[in-house]
PDB file of N, CA and C in Angstrom:
ATOM      1  N   MET A   1     -19.379 -26.606 -11.212  1.00  0.00           N
ATOM      2  CA  MET A   1     -18.143 -26.037 -11.181  1.00  0.00           C
ATOM      3  C   MET A   1     -17.701 -25.120 -12.314  1.00  0.00           C
ATOM      4  N   ALA A   2     -17.148 -24.062 -11.885  1.00  0.00           N
ATOM      5  CA  ALA A   2     -16.899 -22.998 -12.815  1.00  0.00           C
ATOM      6  C   ALA A   2     -15.811 -23.394 -13.872  1.00  0.00           C
ATOM      7  N   SER A   3     -16.108 -22.778 -15.101  1.00  0.00           N
ATOM      8  CA  SER A   3     -15.150 -23.170 -16.245  1.00  0.00           C
ATOM      9  C   SER A   3     -14.013 -22.427 -16.053  1.00  0.00           C
ATOM     10  N   VAL A   4     -12.961 -22.754 -16.805  1.00  0.00           N
ATOM     11  CA  VAL A   4     -11.479 -22.099 -16.795  1.00  0.00           C
ATOM     12  C   VAL A   4     -11.725 -20.605 -17.014  1.00  0.00           C
ATOM     13  N   ALA A   5     -12.529 -20.285 -18.201  1.00  0.00           N
ATOM     14  CA  ALA A   5     -12.685 -18.948 -18.551  1.00  0.00           C
ATOM     15  C   ALA A   5     -13.469 -18.079 -17.361  1.00  0.00           C
ATOM     16  N   GLU A   6     -14.480 -18.757 -16.680  1.00  0.00           N
ATOM     17  CA  GLU A   6     -14.920 -18.137 -15.555  1.00  0.00           C
ATOM     18  C   GLU A   6     -14.067 -17.823 -14.349  1.00  0.00           C
ATOM     19  N   VAL A   7     -13.176 -18.765 -14.048  1.00  0.00           N
ATOM     20  CA  VAL A   7     -12.328 -18.640 -12.972  1.00  0.00           C
ATOM     21  C   VAL A   7     -11.120 -17.555 -13.484  1.00  0.00           C
ATOM     22  N   LYS A   8     -10.823 -17.591 -14.808  1.00  0.00           N
ATOM     23  CA  LYS A   8      -9.781 -16.480 -15.274  1.00  0.00           C
ATOM     24  C   LYS A   8     -10.487 -14.971 -14.964  1.00  0.00           C
ATOM     25  N   ALA A   9     -11.799 -14.961 -15.470  1.00  0.00           N
ATOM     26  CA  ALA A   9     -12.577 -13.661 -15.337  1.00  0.00           C
ATOM     27  C   ALA A   9     -12.628 -13.324 -13.930  1.00  0.00           C
ATOM     28  N   ALA A  10     -12.820 -14.227 -13.074  1.00  0.00           N
ATOM     29  CA  ALA A  10     -13.091 -13.918 -11.651  1.00  0.00           C
ATOM     30  C   ALA A  10     -11.728 -13.481 -10.966  1.00  0.00           C
ATOM     31  N   VAL A  11     -10.768 -14.077 -11.337  1.00  0.00           N
ATOM     32  CA  VAL A  11      -9.426 -13.836 -10.826  1.00  0.00           C
ATOM     33  C   VAL A  11      -8.913 -12.368 -11.442  1.00  0.00           C
ATOM     34  N   ASP A  12      -9.444 -12.053 -12.910  1.00  0.00           N
ATOM     35  CA  ASP A  12      -8.871 -10.818 -13.287  1.00  0.00           C
ATOM     36  C   ASP A  12      -9.666  -9.723 -12.573  1.00  0.00           C
ATOM     37  N   ALA A  13     -11.167  -9.968 -12.367  1.00  0.00           N
ATOM     38  CA  ALA A  13     -11.821  -8.936 -11.401  1.00  0.00           C
ATOM     39  C   ALA A  13     -11.208  -8.468 -10.147  1.00  0.00           C
ATOM     40  N   ALA A  14     -10.829  -9.780  -9.530  1.00  0.00           N
ATOM     41  CA  ALA A  14     -10.042  -9.512  -8.030  1.00  0.00           C
ATOM     42  C   ALA A  14      -8.994  -8.780  -8.311  1.00  0.00           C
ATOM     43  N   LEU A  15      -8.058  -9.154  -9.283  1.00  0.00           N
ATOM     44  CA  LEU A  15      -6.756  -8.291  -9.524  1.00  0.00           C
ATOM     45  C   LEU A  15      -7.116  -6.898  -9.804  1.00  0.00           C
ATOM     46  N   GLN A  16      -8.237  -6.489 -10.570  1.00  0.00           N
ATOM     47  CA  GLN A  16      -8.559  -5.127 -10.753  1.00  0.00           C
ATOM     48  C   GLN A  16      -8.922  -4.330  -9.300  1.00  0.00           C
ATOM     49  N   GLN A  17      -9.447  -5.033  -8.361  1.00  0.00           N
ATOM     50  CA  GLN A  17      -9.650  -4.640  -7.228  1.00  0.00           C
ATOM     51  C   GLN A  17      -8.501  -4.243  -6.449  1.00  0.00           C
ATOM     52  N   VAL A  18      -7.468  -5.252  -6.462  1.00  0.00           N
ATOM     53  CA  VAL A  18      -6.273  -5.202  -5.905  1.00  0.00           C
ATOM     54  C   VAL A  18      -5.523  -3.921  -6.408  1.00  0.00           C
ATOM     55  N   SER A  19      -5.603  -3.797  -7.834  1.00  0.00           N
ATOM     56  CA  SER A  19      -5.054  -2.634  -8.472  1.00  0.00           C
ATOM     57  C   SER A  19      -5.363  -1.322  -7.764  1.00  0.00           C
ATOM     58  N   GLU A  20      -6.954  -1.333  -7.740  1.00  0.00           N
ATOM     59  CA  GLU A  20      -7.439  -0.220  -7.007  1.00  0.00           C
ATOM     60  C   GLU A  20      -7.029   0.222  -5.807  1.00  0.00           C
ATOM     61  N   GLY A  21      -6.818  -1.056  -4.931  1.00  0.00           N
ATOM     62  CA  GLY A  21      -6.305  -0.743  -3.509  1.00  0.00           C
ATOM     63  C   GLY A  21      -4.947  -0.276  -3.481  1.00  0.00           C
ATOM     64  N   GLN A  22      -4.146  -0.880  -4.453  1.00  0.00           N
ATOM     65  CA  GLN A  22      -2.639  -0.286  -4.552  1.00  0.00           C
ATOM     66  C   GLN A  22      -2.657   1.235  -4.880  1.00  0.00           C
ATOM     67  N   GLN A  23      -3.590   1.686  -5.576  1.00  0.00           N
ATOM     68  CA  GLN A  23      -3.575   3.137  -6.083  1.00  0.00           C
ATOM     69  C   GLN A  23      -4.069   3.985  -4.570  1.00  0.00           C
ATOM     70  N   ALA A  24      -4.890   3.374  -3.777  1.00  0.00           N
ATOM     71  CA  ALA A  24      -5.151   3.925  -2.561  1.00  0.00           C
ATOM     72  C   ALA A  24      -4.024   3.853  -1.607  1.00  0.00           C
ATOM     73  N   ILE A  25      -3.330   2.764  -1.527  1.00  0.00           N
ATOM     74  CA  ILE A  25      -2.104   2.642  -0.828  1.00  0.00           C
ATOM     75  C   ILE A  25      -1.304   3.817  -1.161  1.00  0.00           C
ATOM     76  N   GLN A  26      -0.940   4.066  -2.448  1.00  0.00           N
ATOM     77  CA  GLN A  26       0.003   5.043  -2.869  1.00  0.00           C
ATOM     78  C   GLN A  26      -0.340   6.381  -2.485  1.00  0.00           C
ATOM     79  N   ALA A  27      -1.595   6.728  -2.760  1.00  0.00           N
ATOM     80  CA  ALA A  27      -2.419   7.976  -2.355  1.00  0.00           C
ATOM     81  C   ALA A  27      -2.062   8.209  -0.778  1.00  0.00           C
ATOM     82  N   ALA A  28      -2.367   7.293  -0.104  1.00  0.00           N
ATOM     83  CA  ALA A  28      -1.996   7.436   1.322  1.00  0.00           C
ATOM     84  C   ALA A  28      -0.652   7.655   1.708  1.00  0.00           C
ATOM     85  N   ARG A  29       0.198   7.063   1.152  1.00  0.00           N
ATOM     86  CA  ARG A  29       1.800   7.250   1.422  1.00  0.00           C
ATOM     87  C   ARG A  29       2.020   8.713   0.994  1.00  0.00           C
ATOM     88  N   GLU A  30       1.512   9.163  -0.224  1.00  0.00           N
ATOM     89  CA  GLU A  30       1.707  10.427  -0.661  1.00  0.00           C
ATOM     90  C   GLU A  30       1.091  11.383   0.320  1.00  0.00           C
ATOM     91  N   LYS A  31       0.008  11.258   0.938  1.00  0.00           N
ATOM     92  CA  LYS A  31      -0.564  12.201   2.023  1.00  0.00           C
ATOM     93  C   LYS A  31       0.353  11.965   3.277  1.00  0.00           C
ATOM     94  N   LEU A  32       0.781  10.905   3.705  1.00  0.00           N
ATOM     95  CA  LEU A  32       1.531  10.844   4.765  1.00  0.00           C
ATOM     96  C   LEU A  32       3.020  11.630   4.854  1.00  0.00           C
ATOM     97  N   GLY A  33       3.562  11.289   3.454  1.00  0.00           N
ATOM     98  CA  GLY A  33       4.729  12.126   3.270  1.00  0.00           C
ATOM     99  C   GLY A  33       4.401  13.758   3.240  1.00  0.00           C
ATOM    100  N   GLU A  34       3.316  14.214   2.728  1.00  0.00           N
ATOM    101  CA  GLU A  34       3.066  15.448   3.108  1.00  0.00           C
ATOM    102  C   GLU A  34       2.879  15.918   4.319  1.00  0.00           C
ATOM    103  N   ALA A  35       2.208  15.294   4.926  1.00  0.00           N
ATOM    104  CA  ALA A  35       1.850  15.393   6.299  1.00  0.00           C
ATOM    105  C   ALA A  35       3.330  15.596   7.086  1.00  0.00           C
ATOM    106  N   GLN A  36       4.133  14.622   6.878  1.00  0.00           N
ATOM    107  CA  GLN A  36       5.438  14.662   7.594  1.00  0.00           C
ATOM    108  C   GLN A  36       6.150  15.924   7.339  1.00  0.00           C
ATOM    109  N   GLN A  37       6.187  16.515   6.085  1.00  0.00           N
ATOM    110  CA  GLN A  37       6.852  17.539   5.712  1.00  0.00           C
ATOM    111  C   GLN A  37       6.163  18.845   6.375  1.00  0.00           C
ATOM    112  N   SER A  38       4.906  18.979   6.393  1.00  0.00           N
ATOM    113  CA  SER A  38       4.231  19.859   7.126  1.00  0.00           C
ATOM    114  C   SER A  38       4.334  19.906   8.523  1.00  0.00           C
ATOM    115  N   LEU A  39       4.590  18.761   9.057  1.00  0.00           N
ATOM    116  CA  LEU A  39       4.826  18.803  10.434  1.00  0.00           C
ATOM    117  C   LEU A  39       6.314  19.090  10.795  1.00  0.00           C
ATOM    118  N   ALA A  40       7.117  18.885   9.759  1.00  0.00           N
ATOM    119  CA  ALA A  40       8.594  19.210  10.059  1.00  0.00           C
ATOM    120  C   ALA A  40       8.669  20.609   9.975  1.00  0.00           C
ATOM    121  N   ALA A  41       7.889  21.261   9.177  1.00  0.00           N
ATOM    122  CA  ALA A  41       8.131  22.706   8.874  1.00  0.00           C
ATOM    123  C   ALA A  41       7.344  23.358  10.085  1.00  0.00           C
ATOM    124  N   ALA A  42       6.405  22.971  10.402  1.00  0.00           N
ATOM    125  CA  ALA A  42       5.688  23.510  11.627  1.00  0.00           C
ATOM    126  C   ALA A  42       6.505  23.604  13.013  1.00  0.00           C
ATOM    127  N   LEU A  43       7.340  22.264  13.192  1.00  0.00           N
ATOM    128  CA  LEU A  43       7.711  22.261  14.420  1.00  0.00           C
ATOM    129  C   LEU A  43       9.373  22.315  14.290  1.00  0.00           C
ATOM    130  N   ASP A  44       9.799  22.936  13.337  1.00  0.00           N
ATOM    131  CA  ASP A  44      11.256  22.981  13.064  1.00  0.00           C
ATOM    132  C   ASP A  44      12.045  23.641  14.362  1.00  0.00           C
ATOM    133  N   GLY A  45      12.880  22.828  14.546  1.00  0.00           N
ATOM    134  CA  GLY A  45      13.851  23.244  15.680  1.00  0.00           C
ATOM    135  C   GLY A  45      13.143  22.703  17.208  1.00  0.00           C
ATOM    136  N   SER A  46      12.062  22.233  17.170  1.00  0.00           N
ATOM    137  CA  SER A  46      11.679  21.771  18.503  1.00  0.00           C
ATOM    138  C   SER A  46      12.452  20.463  18.761  1.00  0.00           C
ATOM    139  N   GLY A  47      12.656  20.349  20.139  1.00  0.00           N
ATOM    140  CA  GLY A  47      13.567  19.400  20.576  1.00  0.00           C
ATOM    141  C   GLY A  47      12.769  18.363  21.358  1.00  0.00           C
ATOM    142  N   ASN A  48      11.347  18.769  21.301  1.00  0.00           N
ATOM    143  CA  ASN A  48      10.551  17.832  22.294  1.00  0.00           C
ATOM    144  C   ASN A  48      10.464  16.442  21.832  1.00  0.00           C
ATOM    145  N   ASP A  49      10.449  15.619  22.740  1.00  0.00           N
ATOM    146  CA  ASP A  49      10.318  14.178  22.502  1.00  0.00           C
ATOM    147  C   ASP A  49       8.983  13.772  21.657  1.00  0.00           C
ATOM    148  N   ALA A  50       7.927  14.429  22.014  1.00  0.00           N
ATOM    149  CA  ALA A  50       6.857  14.142  21.255  1.00  0.00           C
ATOM    150  C   ALA A  50       6.680  14.462  19.859  1.00  0.00           C
ATOM    151  N   VAL A  51       7.661  15.377  19.351  1.00  0.00           N
ATOM    152  CA  VAL A  51       7.912  15.745  17.936  1.00  0.00           C
ATOM    153  C   VAL A  51       8.553  14.562  17.399  1.00  0.00           C
ATOM    154  N   SER A  52       9.520  13.927  18.157  1.00  0.00           N
ATOM    155  CA  SER A  52      10.474  12.997  17.307  1.00  0.00           C
ATOM    156  C   SER A  52       9.459  11.513  17.468  1.00  0.00           C
ATOM    157  N   THR A  53       8.684  11.478  18.271  1.00  0.00           N
ATOM    158  CA  THR A  53       7.767  10.369  18.322  1.00  0.00           C
ATOM    159  C   THR A  53       6.739  10.564  17.173  1.00  0.00           C
ATOM    160  N   ALA A  54       6.308  11.670  17.063  1.00  0.00           N
ATOM    161  CA  ALA A  54       5.359  11.779  15.805  1.00  0.00           C
ATOM    162  C   ALA A  54       6.126  11.511  14.670  1.00  0.00           C
ATOM    163  N   HIS A  55       7.067  12.194  14.393  1.00  0.00           N
ATOM    164  CA  HIS A  55       7.823  11.780  13.058  1.00  0.00           C
ATOM    165  C   HIS A  55       8.133  10.407  12.990  1.00  0.00           C
ATOM    166  N   ALA A  56       8.577   9.678  13.904  1.00  0.00           N
ATOM    167  CA  ALA A  56       8.867   8.045  14.093  1.00  0.00           C
ATOM    168  C   ALA A  56       7.499   7.523  13.772  1.00  0.00           C
ATOM    169  N   SER A  57       6.574   7.894  14.343  1.00  0.00           N
ATOM    170  CA  SER A  57       5.079   6.988  14.045  1.00  0.00           C
ATOM    171  C   SER A  57       4.698   7.250  12.483  1.00  0.00           C
ATOM    172  N   LEU A  58       4.893   8.454  12.021  1.00  0.00           N
ATOM    173  CA  LEU A  58       4.700   8.715  10.434  1.00  0.00           C
ATOM    174  C   LEU A  58       5.470   7.802   9.690  1.00  0.00           C
ATOM    175  N   SER A  59       6.765   7.724   9.982  1.00  0.00           N
ATOM    176  CA  SER A  59       7.620   6.984   9.377  1.00  0.00           C
ATOM    177  C   SER A  59       7.372   5.461   9.532  1.00  0.00           C
ATOM    178  N   GLN A  60       6.800   5.051  10.487  1.00  0.00           N
ATOM    179  CA  GLN A  60       6.527   3.482  10.569  1.00  0.00           C
ATOM    180  C   GLN A  60       5.077   3.379  10.005  1.00  0.00           C
ATOM    181  N   ALA A  61       4.181   4.373   9.927  1.00  0.00           N
ATOM    182  CA  ALA A  61       3.098   4.127   8.982  1.00  0.00           C
ATOM    183  C   ALA A  61       3.362   3.991   7.579  1.00  0.00           C
ATOM    184  N   ASP A  62       4.192   4.836   7.128  1.00  0.00           N
ATOM    185  CA  ASP A  62       4.670   4.868   5.845  1.00  0.00           C
ATOM    186  C   ASP A  62       5.239   3.404   5.257  1.00  0.00           C
ATOM    187  N   GLN A  63       6.020   2.716   6.360  1.00  0.00           N
ATOM    188  CA  GLN A  63       6.748   1.425   6.108  1.00  0.00           C
ATOM    189  C   GLN A  63       5.562   0.417   6.287  1.00  0.00           C
ATOM    190  N   SER A  64       4.579   0.478   6.956  1.00  0.00           N
ATOM    191  CA  SER A  64       3.609  -0.372   6.884  1.00  0.00           C
ATOM    192  C   SER A  64       2.846  -0.437   5.662  1.00  0.00           C
ATOM    193  N   LEU A  65       2.609   0.822   5.197  1.00  0.00           N
ATOM    194  CA  LEU A  65       2.065   0.917   3.743  1.00  0.00           C
ATOM    195  C   LEU A  65       2.618   0.306   2.566  1.00  0.00           C
ATOM    196  N   GLU A  66       4.054   0.374   2.849  1.00  0.00           N
ATOM    197  CA  GLU A  66       5.016  -0.125   1.848  1.00  0.00           C
ATOM    198  C   GLU A  66       4.903  -1.607   1.833  1.00  0.00           C
ATOM    199  N   ASP A  67       4.933  -2.069   3.164  1.00  0.00           N
ATOM    200  CA  ASP A  67       4.901  -3.680   3.316  1.00  0.00           C
ATOM    201  C   ASP A  67       3.566  -4.113   2.776  1.00  0.00           C
ATOM    202  N   CYS A  68       2.438  -3.203   3.048  1.00  0.00           N
ATOM    203  CA  CYS A  68       1.239  -3.736   2.293  1.00  0.00           C
ATOM    204  C   CYS A  68       1.199  -3.762   0.842  1.00  0.00           C
ATOM    205  N   LEU A  69       1.793  -2.621   0.280  1.00  0.00           N
ATOM    206  CA  LEU A  69       1.969  -2.726  -1.303  1.00  0.00           C
ATOM    207  C   LEU A  69       2.757  -4.012  -1.683  1.00  0.00           C
ATOM    208  N   SER A  70       3.899  -4.328  -1.141  1.00  0.00           N
ATOM    209  CA  SER A  70       4.650  -5.456  -1.313  1.00  0.00           C
ATOM    210  C   SER A  70       3.939  -6.640  -1.209  1.00  0.00           C
ATOM    211  N   ALA A  71       3.043  -6.807  -0.263  1.00  0.00           N
ATOM    212  CA  ALA A  71       2.162  -8.024  -0.026  1.00  0.00           C
ATOM    213  C   ALA A  71       1.217  -8.114  -1.413  1.00  0.00           C
ATOM    214  N   THR A  72       0.636  -6.908  -1.681  1.00  0.00           N
ATOM    215  CA  THR A  72      -0.182  -7.013  -2.806  1.00  0.00           C
ATOM    216  C   THR A  72       0.374  -7.346  -4.162  1.00  0.00           C
ATOM    217  N   LEU A  73       1.637  -6.927  -4.286  1.00  0.00           N
ATOM    218  CA  LEU A  73       2.332  -7.327  -5.498  1.00  0.00           C
ATOM    219  C   LEU A  73       2.453  -8.920  -5.670  1.00  0.00           C
ATOM    220  N   GLN A  74       2.810  -9.177  -4.316  1.00  0.00           N
ATOM    221  CA  GLN A  74       3.213 -10.820  -4.390  1.00  0.00           C
ATOM    222  C   GLN A  74       1.850 -11.492  -4.576  1.00  0.00           C
ATOM    223  N   ALA A  75       0.815 -11.055  -3.994  1.00  0.00           N
ATOM    224  CA  ALA A  75      -0.794 -11.681  -4.296  1.00  0.00           C
ATOM    225  C   ALA A  75      -1.065 -11.682  -5.933  1.00  0.00           C
ATOM    226  N   ILE A  76      -0.476 -10.547  -6.500  1.00  0.00           N
ATOM    227  CA  ILE A  76      -0.822 -10.446  -7.957  1.00  0.00           C
ATOM    228  C   ILE A  76      -0.119 -11.611  -8.777  1.00  0.00           C
ATOM    229  N   ASP A  77       1.222 -11.476  -8.294  1.00  0.00           N
ATOM    230  CA  ASP A  77       2.211 -12.411  -9.079  1.00  0.00           C
ATOM    231  C   ASP A  77       1.668 -14.025  -8.781  1.00  0.00           C
ATOM    232  N   GLN A  78       1.175 -14.347  -7.777  1.00  0.00           N
ATOM    233  CA  GLN A  78       0.786 -15.671  -7.364  1.00  0.00           C
ATOM    234  C   GLN A  78      -0.654 -16.077  -7.957  1.00  0.00           C
ATOM    235  N   ALA A  79      -1.416 -15.017  -8.259  1.00  0.00           N
ATOM    236  CA  ALA A  79      -2.832 -15.124  -8.939  1.00  0.00           C
ATOM    237  C   ALA A  79      -2.478 -15.316 -10.222  1.00  0.00           C
ATOM    238  N   GLN A  80      -1.485 -14.655 -10.963  1.00  0.00           N
ATOM    239  CA  GLN A  80      -1.343 -14.463 -12.387  1.00  0.00           C
ATOM    240  C   GLN A  80      -0.700 -15.998 -12.694  1.00  0.00           C
ATOM    241  N   THR A  81       0.078 -16.420 -11.706  1.00  0.00           N
ATOM    242  CA  THR A  81       0.859 -17.612 -11.903  1.00  0.00           C
ATOM    243  C   THR A  81      -0.031 -18.892 -11.931  1.00  0.00           C
ATOM    244  N   TYR A  82      -1.100 -18.697 -11.085  1.00  0.00           N
ATOM    245  CA  TYR A  82      -2.010 -19.565 -11.019  1.00  0.00           C
ATOM    246  C   TYR A  82      -3.059 -19.650 -12.379  1.00  0.00           C
ATOM    247  N   THR A  83      -3.453 -18.532 -12.630  1.00  0.00           N
ATOM    248  CA  THR A  83      -4.267 -18.568 -13.917  1.00  0.00           C
ATOM    249  C   THR A  83      -3.534 -19.104 -15.093  1.00  0.00           C
ATOM    250  N   ALA A  84      -2.104 -18.763 -15.293  1.00  0.00           N
ATOM    251  CA  ALA A  84      -1.389 -19.105 -16.199  1.00  0.00           C
ATOM    252  C   ALA A  84      -1.324 -20.420 -16.450  1.00  0.00           C
ATOM    253  N   GLN A  85      -1.447 -21.361 -15.378  1.00  0.00           N
ATOM    254  CA  GLN A  85      -1.375 -22.689 -15.303  1.00  0.00           C
ATOM    255  C   GLN A  85      -2.722 -23.393 -15.671  1.00  0.00           C
ATOM    256  N   LEU A  86      -3.793 -22.595 -15.763  1.00  0.00           N
ATOM    257  CA  LEU A  86      -5.180 -23.217 -15.966  1.00  0.00           C
ATOM    258  C   LEU A  86      -5.220 -23.629 -17.429  1.00  0.00           C
TER     259      LEU A  86
END
């Protein structure tokens, strides 16, 4: 069985990976925002339903990434709570 120190070190390593994932999520959200702005500029004034659907889809993707980020924050909190109890 692993020692407390080994468990804490393993959790810390996992949390570092989560942090790297969070950075990737943030970068993806920024790129989606840029894409949405570019799309809006390129299709300004278009009343086509496909344009509205594209905007809505990008907004939904952004919300999904936000939900993912929130889940990682909760995971970090719970992991830290666990290691604090060791």
